[in-house]
Amino acid sequence: MDSRLSSGLRFWLDLPGWRLLAAQWLGIGMLALLGGGWLLQDEWRQRESATERQQRLLQQIAMVQRQLDEVPETLIPPTPIGTTATGDLASVLQRAGGALLRWQRQEKPPRQTLSLRIDYAGLLALLGALPADLRLEQLSVETPPQGMAARLVLQDASEEQADE
């Protein structure tokens, strides 16, 4: 019998079945690894660029933190609000740095209900500068995550004195 098979083909045909199967799976595995690496190449680049960006941002944060540490801390005291005799509650609230959320006026008995967002120093200044014709009937303070909120119930003292 005349064998015309090449030596490379004869080598593969002479291998036992399990070795041939192992070689095939090895070849398929290598191709899968190459294909997967090629597909994941963009993902790796994005991850690398995100890591570099994160490092730059951390360096910038550290630099700003060092600059903030060098600046001396100064507390700015709240500006005193003079008392107003005119009863202009809106100007008093504005100078105290408060933001009016809700205002309700009631005729009988004469009172006003204010809901506002204000800080502690501003609330103290507002209470100190309330017009003489308004009397504080009720005060409630809440501290939700957005900041401090206060609810004031003010009674009109001028009309109350006129009734007596």
N, C-alpha and C. Protein backbone atom coordinates (compact mmCIF):
# COMPACT_ATOMS: atom_id res chain seq x y z
N MET A 1 0.82 -1.15 0.00
CA MET A 1 0.00 0.00 0.00
C MET A 1 0.87 1.23 0.00
N ASP A 2 0.52 2.09 -0.91
CA ASP A 2 1.29 3.30 -1.11
C ASP A 2 0.65 4.41 -0.31
N SER A 3 1.38 4.96 0.63
CA SER A 3 0.83 6.01 1.48
C SER A 3 1.27 7.35 0.95
N ARG A 4 0.29 8.16 0.58
CA ARG A 4 0.58 9.48 0.06
C ARG A 4 0.20 10.58 1.08
N LEU A 5 -0.01 10.25 2.33
CA LEU A 5 -0.36 11.22 3.35
C LEU A 5 0.89 11.95 3.82
N SER A 6 0.71 13.22 4.09
CA SER A 6 1.86 14.00 4.56
C SER A 6 2.23 13.59 5.98
N SER A 7 3.42 13.95 6.36
CA SER A 7 3.90 13.55 7.68
C SER A 7 3.12 14.27 8.79
N GLY A 8 2.69 15.52 8.57
CA GLY A 8 1.91 16.25 9.57
C GLY A 8 0.55 15.62 9.79
N LEU A 9 -0.10 15.19 8.68
CA LEU A 9 -1.39 14.56 8.79
C LEU A 9 -1.26 13.18 9.42
N ARG A 10 -0.22 12.49 9.07
CA ARG A 10 0.00 11.18 9.64
C ARG A 10 0.22 11.28 11.15
N PHE A 11 0.89 12.35 11.60
CA PHE A 11 1.10 12.56 13.03
C PHE A 11 -0.23 12.67 13.76
N TRP A 12 -1.17 13.46 13.21
CA TRP A 12 -2.47 13.66 13.86
C TRP A 12 -3.32 12.38 13.82
N LEU A 13 -3.20 11.66 12.76
CA LEU A 13 -3.98 10.42 12.66
C LEU A 13 -3.43 9.33 13.57
N ASP A 14 -2.16 9.38 13.86
CA ASP A 14 -1.55 8.38 14.72
C ASP A 14 -1.80 8.62 16.21
N LEU A 15 -2.29 9.83 16.56
CA LEU A 15 -2.52 10.14 17.97
C LEU A 15 -3.71 9.35 18.50
N PRO A 16 -3.67 8.99 19.81
CA PRO A 16 -4.84 8.35 20.40
C PRO A 16 -6.00 9.35 20.46
N GLY A 17 -7.21 8.86 20.54
CA GLY A 17 -8.40 9.71 20.48
C GLY A 17 -8.48 10.76 21.57
N TRP A 18 -8.10 10.41 22.78
CA TRP A 18 -8.20 11.38 23.87
C TRP A 18 -7.23 12.53 23.68
N ARG A 19 -6.05 12.26 23.11
CA ARG A 19 -5.09 13.34 22.87
C ARG A 19 -5.58 14.24 21.74
N LEU A 20 -6.17 13.66 20.74
CA LEU A 20 -6.71 14.44 19.63
C LEU A 20 -7.84 15.34 20.13
N LEU A 21 -8.70 14.78 20.97
CA LEU A 21 -9.80 15.56 21.53
C LEU A 21 -9.26 16.67 22.44
N ALA A 22 -8.26 16.40 23.24
CA ALA A 22 -7.66 17.41 24.11
C ALA A 22 -7.03 18.52 23.28
N ALA A 23 -6.36 18.18 22.19
CA ALA A 23 -5.74 19.18 21.32
C ALA A 23 -6.82 20.05 20.68
N GLN A 24 -7.94 19.46 20.27
CA GLN A 24 -9.03 20.24 19.67
C GLN A 24 -9.61 21.22 20.69
N TRP A 25 -9.85 20.72 21.92
CA TRP A 25 -10.41 21.60 22.96
C TRP A 25 -9.42 22.70 23.33
N LEU A 26 -8.14 22.40 23.31
CA LEU A 26 -7.13 23.40 23.56
C LEU A 26 -7.15 24.48 22.49
N GLY A 27 -7.28 24.07 21.25
CA GLY A 27 -7.36 25.03 20.15
C GLY A 27 -8.62 25.88 20.23
N ILE A 28 -9.77 25.26 20.53
CA ILE A 28 -11.02 26.00 20.66
C ILE A 28 -10.93 26.98 21.84
N GLY A 29 -10.34 26.53 22.93
CA GLY A 29 -10.19 27.40 24.10
C GLY A 29 -9.31 28.60 23.81
N MET A 30 -8.23 28.39 23.08
CA MET A 30 -7.34 29.50 22.71
C MET A 30 -8.07 30.51 21.82
N LEU A 31 -8.84 30.00 20.86
CA LEU A 31 -9.60 30.91 20.00
C LEU A 31 -10.64 31.70 20.80
N ALA A 32 -11.29 31.03 21.76
CA ALA A 32 -12.27 31.72 22.60
C ALA A 32 -11.60 32.79 23.45
N LEU A 33 -10.43 32.49 24.00
CA LEU A 33 -9.71 33.48 24.79
C LEU A 33 -9.30 34.68 23.96
N LEU A 34 -8.81 34.43 22.76
CA LEU A 34 -8.43 35.53 21.88
C LEU A 34 -9.64 36.39 21.52
N GLY A 35 -10.76 35.74 21.18
CA GLY A 35 -11.97 36.49 20.83
C GLY A 35 -12.52 37.27 22.02
N GLY A 36 -12.54 36.65 23.19
CA GLY A 36 -13.02 37.34 24.39
C GLY A 36 -12.14 38.52 24.76
N GLY A 37 -10.84 38.35 24.66
CA GLY A 37 -9.92 39.45 24.93
C GLY A 37 -10.12 40.60 23.96
N TRP A 38 -10.37 40.26 22.72
CA TRP A 38 -10.60 41.30 21.71
C TRP A 38 -11.90 42.05 22.01
N LEU A 39 -12.93 41.31 22.44
CA LEU A 39 -14.21 41.95 22.77
C LEU A 39 -14.11 42.80 24.04
N LEU A 40 -13.30 42.38 25.00
CA LEU A 40 -13.17 43.10 26.27
C LEU A 40 -12.14 44.21 26.24
N GLN A 41 -11.48 44.38 25.12
CA GLN A 41 -10.43 45.38 25.00
C GLN A 41 -10.96 46.78 25.30
N ASP A 42 -12.14 47.16 24.77
CA ASP A 42 -12.71 48.48 25.04
C ASP A 42 -13.06 48.63 26.52
N GLU A 43 -13.58 47.58 27.10
CA GLU A 43 -13.93 47.62 28.52
C GLU A 43 -12.69 47.87 29.37
N TRP A 44 -11.61 47.23 29.05
CA TRP A 44 -10.36 47.42 29.79
C TRP A 44 -9.85 48.84 29.63
N ARG A 45 -9.92 49.37 28.43
CA ARG A 45 -9.48 50.75 28.20
C ARG A 45 -10.34 51.73 28.99
N GLN A 46 -11.65 51.53 28.99
CA GLN A 46 -12.54 52.42 29.75
C GLN A 46 -12.23 52.35 31.24
N ARG A 47 -12.00 51.16 31.73
CA ARG A 47 -11.69 50.99 33.15
C ARG A 47 -10.37 51.68 33.49
N GLU A 48 -9.39 51.55 32.62
CA GLU A 48 -8.10 52.18 32.84
C GLU A 48 -8.24 53.69 32.84
N SER A 49 -9.03 54.23 31.89
CA SER A 49 -9.21 55.68 31.83
C SER A 49 -9.99 56.17 33.04
N ALA A 50 -10.97 55.40 33.52
CA ALA A 50 -11.72 55.79 34.71
C ALA A 50 -10.81 55.79 35.94
N THR A 51 -9.91 54.84 36.01
CA THR A 51 -8.97 54.79 37.14
C THR A 51 -8.04 55.99 37.11
N GLU A 52 -7.55 56.35 35.93
CA GLU A 52 -6.68 57.53 35.80
C GLU A 52 -7.44 58.80 36.17
N ARG A 53 -8.69 58.91 35.71
CA ARG A 53 -9.51 60.08 36.04
C ARG A 53 -9.75 60.16 37.54
N GLN A 54 -10.01 59.02 38.15
CA GLN A 54 -10.23 58.99 39.60
C GLN A 54 -8.97 59.44 40.34
N GLN A 55 -7.81 59.01 39.88
CA GLN A 55 -6.56 59.42 40.51
C GLN A 55 -6.35 60.93 40.40
N ARG A 56 -6.65 61.49 39.21
CA ARG A 56 -6.51 62.94 39.02
C ARG A 56 -7.46 63.70 39.94
N LEU A 57 -8.70 63.22 40.05
CA LEU A 57 -9.67 63.89 40.90
C LEU A 57 -9.27 63.81 42.38
N LEU A 58 -8.74 62.66 42.78
CA LEU A 58 -8.28 62.53 44.17
C LEU A 58 -7.13 63.49 44.45
N GLN A 59 -6.23 63.68 43.47
CA GLN A 59 -5.14 64.63 43.64
C GLN A 59 -5.67 66.06 43.74
N GLN A 60 -6.68 66.39 42.91
CA GLN A 60 -7.27 67.72 42.96
C GLN A 60 -7.97 67.95 44.29
N ILE A 61 -8.67 66.94 44.79
CA ILE A 61 -9.35 67.06 46.09
C ILE A 61 -8.32 67.28 47.19
N ALA A 62 -7.23 66.54 47.14
CA ALA A 62 -6.18 66.69 48.16
C ALA A 62 -5.58 68.10 48.09
N MET A 63 -5.39 68.61 46.87
CA MET A 63 -4.82 69.95 46.72
C MET A 63 -5.78 71.00 47.29
N VAL A 64 -7.06 70.89 46.99
CA VAL A 64 -8.03 71.85 47.51
C VAL A 64 -8.15 71.72 49.02
N GLN A 65 -8.08 70.50 49.53
CA GLN A 65 -8.14 70.30 50.98
C GLN A 65 -6.95 70.96 51.67
N ARG A 66 -5.76 70.86 51.06
CA ARG A 66 -4.58 71.53 51.63
C ARG A 66 -4.77 73.03 51.62
N GLN A 67 -5.34 73.57 50.53
CA GLN A 67 -5.59 75.01 50.47
C GLN A 67 -6.60 75.44 51.52
N LEU A 68 -7.63 74.62 51.73
CA LEU A 68 -8.62 74.95 52.75
C LEU A 68 -8.03 74.87 54.15
N ASP A 69 -7.11 73.94 54.36
CA ASP A 69 -6.48 73.82 55.66
C ASP A 69 -5.60 75.03 55.96
N GLU A 70 -5.06 75.66 54.92
CA GLU A 70 -4.20 76.82 55.11
C GLU A 70 -4.99 78.08 55.42
N VAL A 71 -6.25 78.14 54.98
CA VAL A 71 -7.07 79.32 55.21
C VAL A 71 -7.54 79.31 56.67
N PRO A 72 -7.34 80.40 57.38
CA PRO A 72 -7.79 80.41 58.77
C PRO A 72 -9.31 80.44 58.84
N GLU A 73 -9.83 79.73 59.84
CA GLU A 73 -11.28 79.69 60.00
C GLU A 73 -11.73 80.95 60.72
N THR A 74 -12.70 81.62 60.16
CA THR A 74 -13.27 82.80 60.80
C THR A 74 -14.78 82.62 60.85
N LEU A 75 -15.32 82.88 62.00
CA LEU A 75 -16.75 82.80 62.15
C LEU A 75 -17.33 84.19 61.90
N ILE A 76 -18.30 84.25 61.04
CA ILE A 76 -18.93 85.53 60.74
C ILE A 76 -20.15 85.64 61.65
N PRO A 77 -20.13 86.60 62.55
CA PRO A 77 -21.27 86.72 63.45
C PRO A 77 -22.48 87.25 62.69
N PRO A 78 -23.67 86.85 63.11
CA PRO A 78 -24.86 87.38 62.43
C PRO A 78 -24.98 88.86 62.67
N THR A 79 -25.40 89.57 61.65
CA THR A 79 -25.56 91.01 61.78
C THR A 79 -26.80 91.28 62.63
N PRO A 80 -26.66 92.16 63.60
CA PRO A 80 -27.82 92.44 64.44
C PRO A 80 -28.89 93.18 63.64
N ILE A 81 -30.11 92.84 63.92
CA ILE A 81 -31.23 93.47 63.25
C ILE A 81 -31.88 94.39 64.26
N GLY A 82 -31.98 95.61 63.93
CA GLY A 82 -32.62 96.56 64.84
C GLY A 82 -34.10 96.27 64.94
N THR A 83 -34.66 96.58 66.07
CA THR A 83 -36.09 96.35 66.23
C THR A 83 -36.86 97.34 65.39
N THR A 84 -37.95 96.90 64.85
CA THR A 84 -38.77 97.76 64.02
C THR A 84 -40.08 98.01 64.74
N ALA A 85 -40.48 99.24 64.76
CA ALA A 85 -41.72 99.59 65.40
C ALA A 85 -42.86 99.64 64.40
N THR A 86 -42.54 99.54 63.12
CA THR A 86 -43.56 99.69 62.09
C THR A 86 -44.33 98.40 61.85
N GLY A 87 -43.84 97.29 62.32
CA GLY A 87 -44.54 96.03 62.12
C GLY A 87 -44.26 95.42 60.76
N ASP A 88 -43.18 95.80 60.10
CA ASP A 88 -42.85 95.28 58.78
C ASP A 88 -42.14 93.94 58.94
N LEU A 89 -42.93 92.90 59.06
CA LEU A 89 -42.41 91.56 59.30
C LEU A 89 -41.59 91.04 58.12
N ALA A 90 -41.96 91.40 56.90
CA ALA A 90 -41.25 90.92 55.72
C ALA A 90 -39.82 91.42 55.68
N SER A 91 -39.59 92.69 56.01
CA SER A 91 -38.22 93.21 56.00
C SER A 91 -37.40 92.59 57.12
N VAL A 92 -38.01 92.34 58.27
CA VAL A 92 -37.30 91.69 59.36
C VAL A 92 -36.88 90.29 58.94
N LEU A 93 -37.78 89.56 58.31
CA LEU A 93 -37.49 88.20 57.86
C LEU A 93 -36.39 88.20 56.81
N GLN A 94 -36.43 89.15 55.91
CA GLN A 94 -35.41 89.21 54.86
C GLN A 94 -34.04 89.52 55.45
N ARG A 95 -33.96 90.45 56.39
CA ARG A 95 -32.68 90.78 57.00
C ARG A 95 -32.14 89.65 57.86
N ALA A 96 -33.03 88.79 58.37
CA ALA A 96 -32.60 87.64 59.18
C ALA A 96 -32.09 86.50 58.30
N GLY A 97 -32.31 86.58 56.99
CA GLY A 97 -31.82 85.54 56.08
C GLY A 97 -32.75 84.35 55.99
N GLY A 98 -34.02 84.54 56.30
CA GLY A 98 -34.99 83.45 56.24
C GLY A 98 -35.71 83.42 54.91
N ALA A 99 -36.23 82.26 54.58
CA ALA A 99 -37.03 82.09 53.37
C ALA A 99 -38.43 81.67 53.79
N LEU A 100 -39.41 82.46 53.41
CA LEU A 100 -40.79 82.19 53.78
C LEU A 100 -41.33 81.05 52.94
N LEU A 101 -41.80 80.00 53.59
CA LEU A 101 -42.37 78.85 52.90
C LEU A 101 -43.89 78.95 52.82
N ARG A 102 -44.50 79.44 53.90
CA ARG A 102 -45.96 79.53 53.95
C ARG A 102 -46.35 80.61 54.93
N TRP A 103 -47.39 81.40 54.56
CA TRP A 103 -47.90 82.45 55.44
C TRP A 103 -49.41 82.36 55.44
N GLN A 104 -49.99 82.42 56.63
CA GLN A 104 -51.44 82.34 56.76
C GLN A 104 -51.88 83.38 57.77
N ARG A 105 -52.90 84.14 57.42
CA ARG A 105 -53.43 85.17 58.31
C ARG A 105 -54.83 84.77 58.75
N GLN A 106 -55.10 84.93 60.04
CA GLN A 106 -56.40 84.60 60.60
C GLN A 106 -56.95 85.88 61.25
N GLU A 107 -58.23 86.16 60.98
CA GLU A 107 -58.83 87.40 61.48
C GLU A 107 -59.30 87.30 62.93
N LYS A 108 -59.97 86.23 63.30
CA LYS A 108 -60.51 86.10 64.65
C LYS A 108 -59.93 84.87 65.32
N PRO A 109 -59.15 84.94 66.31
CA PRO A 109 -58.44 86.10 66.83
C PRO A 109 -57.34 86.51 65.84
N PRO A 110 -56.92 87.76 65.86
CA PRO A 110 -55.93 88.24 64.87
C PRO A 110 -54.56 87.60 65.10
N ARG A 111 -54.18 86.73 64.19
CA ARG A 111 -52.87 86.07 64.29
C ARG A 111 -52.35 85.72 62.90
N GLN A 112 -51.06 85.47 62.84
CA GLN A 112 -50.37 85.07 61.61
C GLN A 112 -49.59 83.80 61.89
N THR A 113 -49.63 82.88 60.94
CA THR A 113 -48.84 81.66 61.05
C THR A 113 -47.80 81.67 59.93
N LEU A 114 -46.54 81.60 60.31
CA LEU A 114 -45.43 81.64 59.35
C LEU A 114 -44.70 80.31 59.39
N SER A 115 -44.42 79.75 58.23
CA SER A 115 -43.52 78.61 58.11
C SER A 115 -42.34 79.09 57.29
N LEU A 116 -41.16 78.92 57.80
CA LEU A 116 -39.99 79.44 57.10
C LEU A 116 -38.79 78.54 57.27
N ARG A 117 -37.85 78.70 56.35
CA ARG A 117 -36.57 78.00 56.39
C ARG A 117 -35.53 79.03 56.78
N ILE A 118 -34.86 78.77 57.88
CA ILE A 118 -33.93 79.76 58.43
C ILE A 118 -32.88 79.02 59.26
N ASP A 119 -31.71 79.61 59.41
CA ASP A 119 -30.70 79.00 60.26
C ASP A 119 -30.89 79.48 61.70
N TYR A 120 -30.15 78.89 62.61
CA TYR A 120 -30.35 79.17 64.03
C TYR A 120 -30.06 80.63 64.37
N ALA A 121 -28.95 81.16 63.87
CA ALA A 121 -28.59 82.55 64.16
C ALA A 121 -29.64 83.50 63.59
N GLY A 122 -30.14 83.19 62.39
CA GLY A 122 -31.17 84.03 61.79
C GLY A 122 -32.47 83.98 62.59
N LEU A 123 -32.81 82.81 63.13
CA LEU A 123 -34.02 82.69 63.94
C LEU A 123 -33.90 83.52 65.21
N LEU A 124 -32.75 83.47 65.85
CA LEU A 124 -32.55 84.28 67.05
C LEU A 124 -32.64 85.77 66.73
N ALA A 125 -32.04 86.16 65.60
CA ALA A 125 -32.10 87.57 65.21
C ALA A 125 -33.54 87.97 64.88
N LEU A 126 -34.27 87.08 64.22
CA LEU A 126 -35.67 87.36 63.89
C LEU A 126 -36.52 87.52 65.15
N LEU A 127 -36.33 86.63 66.11
CA LEU A 127 -37.10 86.71 67.35
C LEU A 127 -36.76 87.98 68.12
N GLY A 128 -35.51 88.39 68.08
CA GLY A 128 -35.10 89.61 68.77
C GLY A 128 -35.61 90.87 68.09
N ALA A 129 -35.92 90.79 66.81
CA ALA A 129 -36.31 91.97 66.05
C ALA A 129 -37.79 91.99 65.70
N LEU A 130 -38.58 91.12 66.32
CA LEU A 130 -40.01 91.12 66.03
C LEU A 130 -40.60 92.48 66.37
N PRO A 131 -41.48 92.97 65.55
CA PRO A 131 -42.11 94.26 65.83
C PRO A 131 -42.86 94.22 67.17
N ALA A 132 -42.97 95.38 67.78
CA ALA A 132 -43.57 95.47 69.11
C ALA A 132 -45.05 95.11 69.09
N ASP A 133 -45.71 95.26 67.94
CA ASP A 133 -47.14 94.97 67.90
C ASP A 133 -47.44 93.50 67.64
N LEU A 134 -46.41 92.64 67.57
CA LEU A 134 -46.62 91.20 67.39
C LEU A 134 -46.10 90.45 68.61
N ARG A 135 -46.87 89.48 69.07
CA ARG A 135 -46.46 88.67 70.22
C ARG A 135 -46.35 87.22 69.76
N LEU A 136 -45.27 86.57 70.17
CA LEU A 136 -45.03 85.18 69.80
C LEU A 136 -45.92 84.28 70.65
N GLU A 137 -46.81 83.56 69.99
CA GLU A 137 -47.73 82.67 70.70
C GLU A 137 -47.21 81.24 70.72
N GLN A 138 -46.62 80.80 69.60
CA GLN A 138 -46.14 79.42 69.51
C GLN A 138 -44.94 79.40 68.57
N LEU A 139 -43.95 78.56 68.92
CA LEU A 139 -42.76 78.39 68.09
C LEU A 139 -42.43 76.91 68.05
N SER A 140 -42.29 76.37 66.85
CA SER A 140 -41.84 74.98 66.70
C SER A 140 -40.71 74.96 65.68
N VAL A 141 -39.69 74.17 65.98
CA VAL A 141 -38.50 74.10 65.14
C VAL A 141 -38.27 72.65 64.74
N GLU A 142 -38.01 72.43 63.45
CA GLU A 142 -37.68 71.10 62.94
C GLU A 142 -36.36 71.18 62.20
N THR A 143 -35.64 70.06 62.17
CA THR A 143 -34.38 70.03 61.44
C THR A 143 -34.39 68.90 60.44
N PRO A 144 -35.11 69.07 59.32
CA PRO A 144 -35.06 68.04 58.27
C PRO A 144 -33.72 68.11 57.55
N PRO A 145 -33.42 67.15 56.68
CA PRO A 145 -32.12 67.13 55.99
C PRO A 145 -31.84 68.38 55.17
N GLN A 146 -32.87 69.10 54.71
CA GLN A 146 -32.66 70.27 53.86
C GLN A 146 -32.21 71.49 54.65
N GLY A 147 -32.34 71.51 55.96
CA GLY A 147 -31.98 72.65 56.79
C GLY A 147 -33.02 72.83 57.88
N MET A 148 -32.85 73.87 58.66
CA MET A 148 -33.76 74.09 59.78
C MET A 148 -35.04 74.77 59.30
N ALA A 149 -36.16 74.32 59.78
CA ALA A 149 -37.45 74.92 59.46
C ALA A 149 -38.12 75.33 60.76
N ALA A 150 -38.76 76.50 60.75
CA ALA A 150 -39.44 77.00 61.95
C ALA A 150 -40.87 77.36 61.60
N ARG A 151 -41.74 77.18 62.58
CA ARG A 151 -43.15 77.56 62.42
C ARG A 151 -43.47 78.50 63.57
N LEU A 152 -43.87 79.71 63.24
CA LEU A 152 -44.18 80.74 64.23
C LEU A 152 -45.65 81.07 64.16
N VAL A 153 -46.28 81.18 65.30
CA VAL A 153 -47.65 81.69 65.38
C VAL A 153 -47.56 83.01 66.14
N LEU A 154 -47.86 84.10 65.44
CA LEU A 154 -47.75 85.44 66.01
C LEU A 154 -49.14 86.02 66.20
N GLN A 155 -49.34 86.61 67.35
CA GLN A 155 -50.63 87.23 67.63
C GLN A 155 -50.45 88.74 67.59
N ASP A 156 -51.42 89.41 67.01
CA ASP A 156 -51.36 90.86 66.88
C ASP A 156 -51.70 91.48 68.23
N ALA A 157 -50.70 92.01 68.92
CA ALA A 157 -50.87 92.53 70.26
C ALA A 157 -51.55 93.89 70.26
N SER A 158 -51.45 94.65 69.19
CA SER A 158 -52.06 95.98 69.17
C SER A 158 -53.57 95.89 69.21
N GLU A 159 -54.16 94.95 68.46
CA GLU A 159 -55.62 94.81 68.48
C GLU A 159 -56.09 94.20 69.79
N GLU A 160 -55.24 93.38 70.40
CA GLU A 160 -55.60 92.77 71.69
C GLU A 160 -55.64 93.84 72.78
N GLN A 161 -54.70 94.80 72.74
CA GLN A 161 -54.69 95.87 73.72
C GLN A 161 -55.84 96.83 73.52
N ALA A 162 -56.29 97.01 72.26
CA ALA A 162 -57.40 97.91 71.99
C ALA A 162 -58.69 97.34 72.52
N ASP A 163 -58.82 95.99 72.53
CA ASP A 163 -60.02 95.34 73.03
C ASP A 163 -60.14 95.49 74.55
N GLU A 164 -59.02 95.60 75.25
CA GLU A 164 -59.06 95.65 76.72
C GLU A 164 -59.42 96.97 77.25
